[in-house]
Amino acid sequence: MPGLNRPTLLPKHWAATDMTNSDQNLTLNKVLAWRSNWSVADKAKIVAAIDILPHPTFRQPPQSEYVNAWVGDERAVEIRPGYLWWPKGRWSASLPADLFPQLHSDDEGVWHELSTFQPRDEVSAQRARSVAICPLCTMEMAANGVCGCA
């Protein structure tokens, strides 16, 4: 999909140490019930992504918007409300092409959108980057970088 940007919620690097004792263990049924707006096709894709994993465990870090499927100490797939993300490695190579006809990739991994995917609004993202906050009054400064409080 031209102009598709990988969602920005993913940290730049992950390690097996991200799986802590405070993570919530989930069953596959709980993972599939986690988002009520997933379509039948979305759930089929999630199941297919899980079926290729030998003995996966599911963990949801506290206060997170994702569930990780682990194989041993390796994070195999991250399940987000709108997409599935695989770190660079072997797991995405085994996905059934009929369910995953288009995968997107960057230096960190591979992802596939679900029906609930919402692309990042580039206009809002650009505006958020360009807004300057006055260090004195903490209000948004004018486009010229001058605040009226001074």
C-alpha atoms as a PDB file:
ATOM      1  CA  MET A   1       0.000   0.000   0.000  1.00  0.00           C
ATOM      2  CA  PRO A   2       1.722   3.237  -1.129  1.00  0.00           C
ATOM      3  CA  GLY A   3       2.397   5.731   1.606  1.00  0.00           C
ATOM      4  CA  LEU A   4       1.719   3.178   4.332  1.00  0.00           C
ATOM      5  CA  ASN A   5       3.562   3.987   7.501  1.00  0.00           C
ATOM      6  CA  ARG A   6       4.189   1.440  10.164  1.00  0.00           C
ATOM      7  CA  PRO A   7       2.364   2.516  13.304  1.00  0.00           C
ATOM      8  CA  THR A   8       4.579   4.361  15.746  1.00  0.00           C
ATOM      9  CA  LEU A   9       3.545   2.472  18.863  1.00  0.00           C
ATOM     10  CA  LEU A  10       6.361  -0.048  18.530  1.00  0.00           C
ATOM     11  CA  PRO A  11       9.532   0.550  20.511  1.00  0.00           C
ATOM     12  CA  LYS A  12      12.760   0.696  18.528  1.00  0.00           C
ATOM     13  CA  HIS A  13      14.266  -2.370  20.192  1.00  0.00           C
ATOM     14  CA  TRP A  14      13.035  -5.326  22.144  1.00  0.00           C
ATOM     15  CA  ALA A  15      14.675  -8.052  24.147  1.00  0.00           C
ATOM     16  CA  ALA A  16      13.556 -11.223  25.852  1.00  0.00           C
ATOM     17  CA  THR A  17      13.738  -9.275  29.100  1.00  0.00           C
ATOM     18  CA  ASP A  18      10.516  -7.523  28.055  1.00  0.00           C
ATOM     19  CA  MET A  19       8.698 -10.649  29.221  1.00  0.00           C
ATOM     20  CA  THR A  20       8.396 -10.037  32.952  1.00  0.00           C
ATOM     21  CA  ASN A  21       6.608 -11.753  35.794  1.00  0.00           C
ATOM     22  CA  SER A  22       4.082  -8.906  35.841  1.00  0.00           C
ATOM     23  CA  ASP A  23       2.883  -9.795  32.329  1.00  0.00           C
ATOM     24  CA  GLN A  24      -0.569 -11.341  32.166  1.00  0.00           C
ATOM     25  CA  ASN A  25      -0.621 -14.877  30.761  1.00  0.00           C
ATOM     26  CA  LEU A  26      -3.435 -15.442  28.271  1.00  0.00           C
ATOM     27  CA  THR A  27      -4.969 -18.385  26.452  1.00  0.00           C
ATOM     28  CA  LEU A  28      -5.528 -18.333  22.700  1.00  0.00           C
ATOM     29  CA  ASN A  29      -9.278 -17.957  23.331  1.00  0.00           C
ATOM     30  CA  LYS A  30      -8.642 -14.867  25.468  1.00  0.00           C
ATOM     31  CA  VAL A  31      -6.364 -13.438  22.793  1.00  0.00           C
ATOM     32  CA  LEU A  32      -9.072 -13.925  20.150  1.00  0.00           C
ATOM     33  CA  ALA A  33     -11.690 -12.333  22.423  1.00  0.00           C
ATOM     34  CA  TRP A  34      -9.384  -9.413  23.313  1.00  0.00           C
ATOM     35  CA  ARG A  35     -10.877  -7.126  20.623  1.00  0.00           C
ATOM     36  CA  SER A  36     -14.583  -7.444  19.891  1.00  0.00           C
ATOM     37  CA  ASN A  37     -14.300  -5.589  16.568  1.00  0.00           C
ATOM     38  CA  TRP A  38     -11.971  -8.117  14.940  1.00  0.00           C
ATOM     39  CA  SER A  39     -13.651  -9.766  11.966  1.00  0.00           C
ATOM     40  CA  VAL A  40     -13.807 -13.506  11.357  1.00  0.00           C
ATOM     41  CA  ALA A  41     -11.035 -13.017   8.764  1.00  0.00           C
ATOM     42  CA  ASP A  42      -8.902 -11.136  11.335  1.00  0.00           C
ATOM     43  CA  LYS A  43      -9.272 -13.993  13.803  1.00  0.00           C
ATOM     44  CA  ALA A  44      -8.393 -16.513  11.086  1.00  0.00           C
ATOM     45  CA  LYS A  45      -5.191 -14.567  10.389  1.00  0.00           C
ATOM     46  CA  ILE A  46      -4.318 -14.448  14.075  1.00  0.00           C
ATOM     47  CA  VAL A  47      -4.888 -18.190  14.403  1.00  0.00           C
ATOM     48  CA  ALA A  48      -2.780 -18.834  11.275  1.00  0.00           C
ATOM     49  CA  ALA A  49       0.027 -16.660  12.676  1.00  0.00           C
ATOM     50  CA  ILE A  50      -0.116 -18.656  15.906  1.00  0.00           C
ATOM     51  CA  ASP A  51      -0.467 -22.093  14.274  1.00  0.00           C
ATOM     52  CA  ILE A  52       3.031 -21.894  12.787  1.00  0.00           C
ATOM     53  CA  LEU A  53       4.547 -21.450  16.264  1.00  0.00           C
ATOM     54  CA  PRO A  54       5.635 -24.477  18.288  1.00  0.00           C
ATOM     55  CA  HIS A  55       4.191 -24.281  21.816  1.00  0.00           C
ATOM     56  CA  PRO A  56       3.509 -20.527  21.984  1.00  0.00           C
ATOM     57  CA  THR A  57       2.750 -18.681  25.191  1.00  0.00           C
ATOM     58  CA  PHE A  58       0.762 -15.456  25.222  1.00  0.00           C
ATOM     59  CA  ARG A  59       1.662 -12.538  27.431  1.00  0.00           C
ATOM     60  CA  GLN A  60       0.202  -9.085  27.761  1.00  0.00           C
ATOM     61  CA  PRO A  61       2.450  -6.572  29.521  1.00  0.00           C
ATOM     62  CA  PRO A  62       0.670  -4.415  32.112  1.00  0.00           C
ATOM     63  CA  GLN A  63      -1.283  -1.475  30.689  1.00  0.00           C
ATOM     64  CA  SER A  64      -0.388  -2.358  27.124  1.00  0.00           C
ATOM     65  CA  GLU A  65      -2.226  -2.282  23.822  1.00  0.00           C
ATOM     66  CA  TYR A  66      -0.689  -5.486  22.501  1.00  0.00           C
ATOM     67  CA  VAL A  67      -0.231  -9.167  23.230  1.00  0.00           C
ATOM     68  CA  ASN A  68       3.012 -10.986  22.504  1.00  0.00           C
ATOM     69  CA  ALA A  69       3.212 -14.611  21.424  1.00  0.00           C
ATOM     70  CA  TRP A  70       6.470 -16.140  22.635  1.00  0.00           C
ATOM     71  CA  VAL A  71       8.287 -19.306  21.643  1.00  0.00           C
ATOM     72  CA  GLY A  72      10.633 -20.022  24.510  1.00  0.00           C
ATOM     73  CA  ASP A  73      12.453 -16.751  25.154  1.00  0.00           C
ATOM     74  CA  GLU A  74      11.869 -15.448  21.608  1.00  0.00           C
ATOM     75  CA  ARG A  75       9.063 -13.011  20.832  1.00  0.00           C
ATOM     76  CA  ALA A  76       7.529 -14.489  17.698  1.00  0.00           C
ATOM     77  CA  VAL A  77       4.607 -12.185  16.916  1.00  0.00           C
ATOM     78  CA  GLU A  78       3.064  -9.082  18.414  1.00  0.00           C
ATOM     79  CA  ILE A  79      -0.715  -8.862  18.171  1.00  0.00           C
ATOM     80  CA  ARG A  80      -2.022  -5.298  18.090  1.00  0.00           C
ATOM     81  CA  PRO A  81      -5.634  -4.110  17.739  1.00  0.00           C
ATOM     82  CA  GLY A  82      -5.090  -3.227  14.055  1.00  0.00           C
ATOM     83  CA  TYR A  83      -2.159  -5.297  12.849  1.00  0.00           C
ATOM     84  CA  LEU A  84       0.192  -8.210  13.440  1.00  0.00           C
ATOM     85  CA  TRP A  85       3.936  -7.541  13.689  1.00  0.00           C
ATOM     86  CA  TRP A  86       6.796 -10.021  13.473  1.00  0.00           C
ATOM     87  CA  PRO A  87      10.355  -9.085  14.414  1.00  0.00           C
ATOM     88  CA  LYS A  88      12.874  -9.812  11.680  1.00  0.00           C
ATOM     89  CA  GLY A  89      13.419 -13.511  11.705  1.00  0.00           C
ATOM     90  CA  ARG A  90      11.984 -16.818  10.721  1.00  0.00           C
ATOM     91  CA  TRP A  91       8.356 -16.708  11.815  1.00  0.00           C
ATOM     92  CA  SER A  92       6.919 -14.422   9.145  1.00  0.00           C
ATOM     93  CA  ALA A  93       8.512 -16.535   6.395  1.00  0.00           C
ATOM     94  CA  SER A  94       6.159 -19.439   7.214  1.00  0.00           C
ATOM     95  CA  LEU A  95       2.879 -17.500   6.938  1.00  0.00           C
ATOM     96  CA  PRO A  96       0.275 -18.835   4.492  1.00  0.00           C
ATOM     97  CA  ALA A  97       0.334 -16.581   1.413  1.00  0.00           C
ATOM     98  CA  ASP A  98      -3.421 -16.892   0.854  1.00  0.00           C
ATOM     99  CA  LEU A  99      -4.157 -15.238   4.228  1.00  0.00           C
ATOM    100  CA  PHE A 100      -1.211 -12.835   4.126  1.00  0.00           C
ATOM    101  CA  PRO A 101      -0.950 -11.730   0.484  1.00  0.00           C
ATOM    102  CA  GLN A 102       0.718  -8.436   1.335  1.00  0.00           C
ATOM    103  CA  LEU A 103       3.287  -8.006   4.082  1.00  0.00           C
ATOM    104  CA  HIS A 104       5.043  -4.722   4.787  1.00  0.00           C
ATOM    105  CA  SER A 105       8.551  -4.531   6.182  1.00  0.00           C
ATOM    106  CA  ASP A 106      11.218  -2.215   7.469  1.00  0.00           C
ATOM    107  CA  ASP A 107      14.557  -2.699   9.229  1.00  0.00           C
ATOM    108  CA  GLU A 108      12.894  -3.966  12.409  1.00  0.00           C
ATOM    109  CA  GLY A 109      10.248  -6.377  11.222  1.00  0.00           C
ATOM    110  CA  VAL A 110       7.285  -7.342   9.087  1.00  0.00           C
ATOM    111  CA  TRP A 111       3.634  -6.423   9.608  1.00  0.00           C
ATOM    112  CA  HIS A 112       0.196  -7.098   8.178  1.00  0.00           C
ATOM    113  CA  GLU A 113      -2.903  -4.978   8.690  1.00  0.00           C
ATOM    114  CA  LEU A 114      -6.115  -6.370  10.080  1.00  0.00           C
ATOM    115  CA  SER A 115      -9.521  -4.958   9.129  1.00  0.00           C
ATOM    116  CA  THR A 116      -9.303  -2.679  12.180  1.00  0.00           C
ATOM    117  CA  PHE A 117      -6.047  -1.033  11.037  1.00  0.00           C
ATOM    118  CA  GLN A 118      -6.042   2.750  11.229  1.00  0.00           C
ATOM    119  CA  PRO A 119      -3.164   4.402   9.370  1.00  0.00           C
ATOM    120  CA  ARG A 120      -1.398   7.193  11.132  1.00  0.00           C
ATOM    121  CA  ASP A 121      -2.707  10.601  10.143  1.00  0.00           C
ATOM    122  CA  GLU A 122       0.371  12.282   8.633  1.00  0.00           C
ATOM    123  CA  VAL A 123      -1.123  15.784   8.923  1.00  0.00           C
ATOM    124  CA  SER A 124      -1.773  15.357  12.652  1.00  0.00           C
ATOM    125  CA  ALA A 125       1.624  13.772  13.155  1.00  0.00           C
ATOM    126  CA  GLN A 126       3.344  16.646  11.344  1.00  0.00           C
ATOM    127  CA  ARG A 127       1.395  19.208  13.367  1.00  0.00           C
ATOM    128  CA  ALA A 128       2.298  17.453  16.616  1.00  0.00           C
ATOM    129  CA  ARG A 129       5.983  17.570  15.673  1.00  0.00           C
ATOM    130  CA  SER A 130       5.872  21.243  14.704  1.00  0.00           C
ATOM    131  CA  VAL A 131       4.024  22.610  17.750  1.00  0.00           C
ATOM    132  CA  ALA A 132       6.339  24.399  20.157  1.00  0.00           C
ATOM    133  CA  ILE A 133       5.467  24.860  23.820  1.00  0.00           C
ATOM    134  CA  CYS A 134       6.563  27.959  25.722  1.00  0.00           C
ATOM    135  CA  PRO A 135       8.886  26.968  28.577  1.00  0.00           C
ATOM    136  CA  LEU A 136       7.565  29.862  30.727  1.00  0.00           C
ATOM    137  CA  CYS A 137       3.775  29.519  30.523  1.00  0.00           C
ATOM    138  CA  THR A 138       3.543  26.014  28.929  1.00  0.00           C
ATOM    139  CA  MET A 139       1.104  27.275  26.294  1.00  0.00           C
ATOM    140  CA  GLU A 140       1.406  26.551  22.564  1.00  0.00           C
ATOM    141  CA  MET A 141       3.547  29.200  20.869  1.00  0.00           C
ATOM    142  CA  ALA A 142       2.603  30.957  17.628  1.00  0.00           C
ATOM    143  CA  ALA A 143       3.972  29.581  14.364  1.00  0.00           C
ATOM    144  CA  ASN A 144       6.712  32.250  14.441  1.00  0.00           C
ATOM    145  CA  GLY A 145       8.019  30.775  17.722  1.00  0.00           C
ATOM    146  CA  VAL A 146       7.108  33.798  19.843  1.00  0.00           C
ATOM    147  CA  CYS A 147       4.869  33.522  22.894  1.00  0.00           C
ATOM    148  CA  GLY A 148       2.638  36.341  24.093  1.00  0.00           C
ATOM    149  CA  CYS A 149       3.497  35.755  27.760  1.00  0.00           C
ATOM    150  CA  ALA A 150       6.943  37.317  27.598  1.00  0.00           C
END
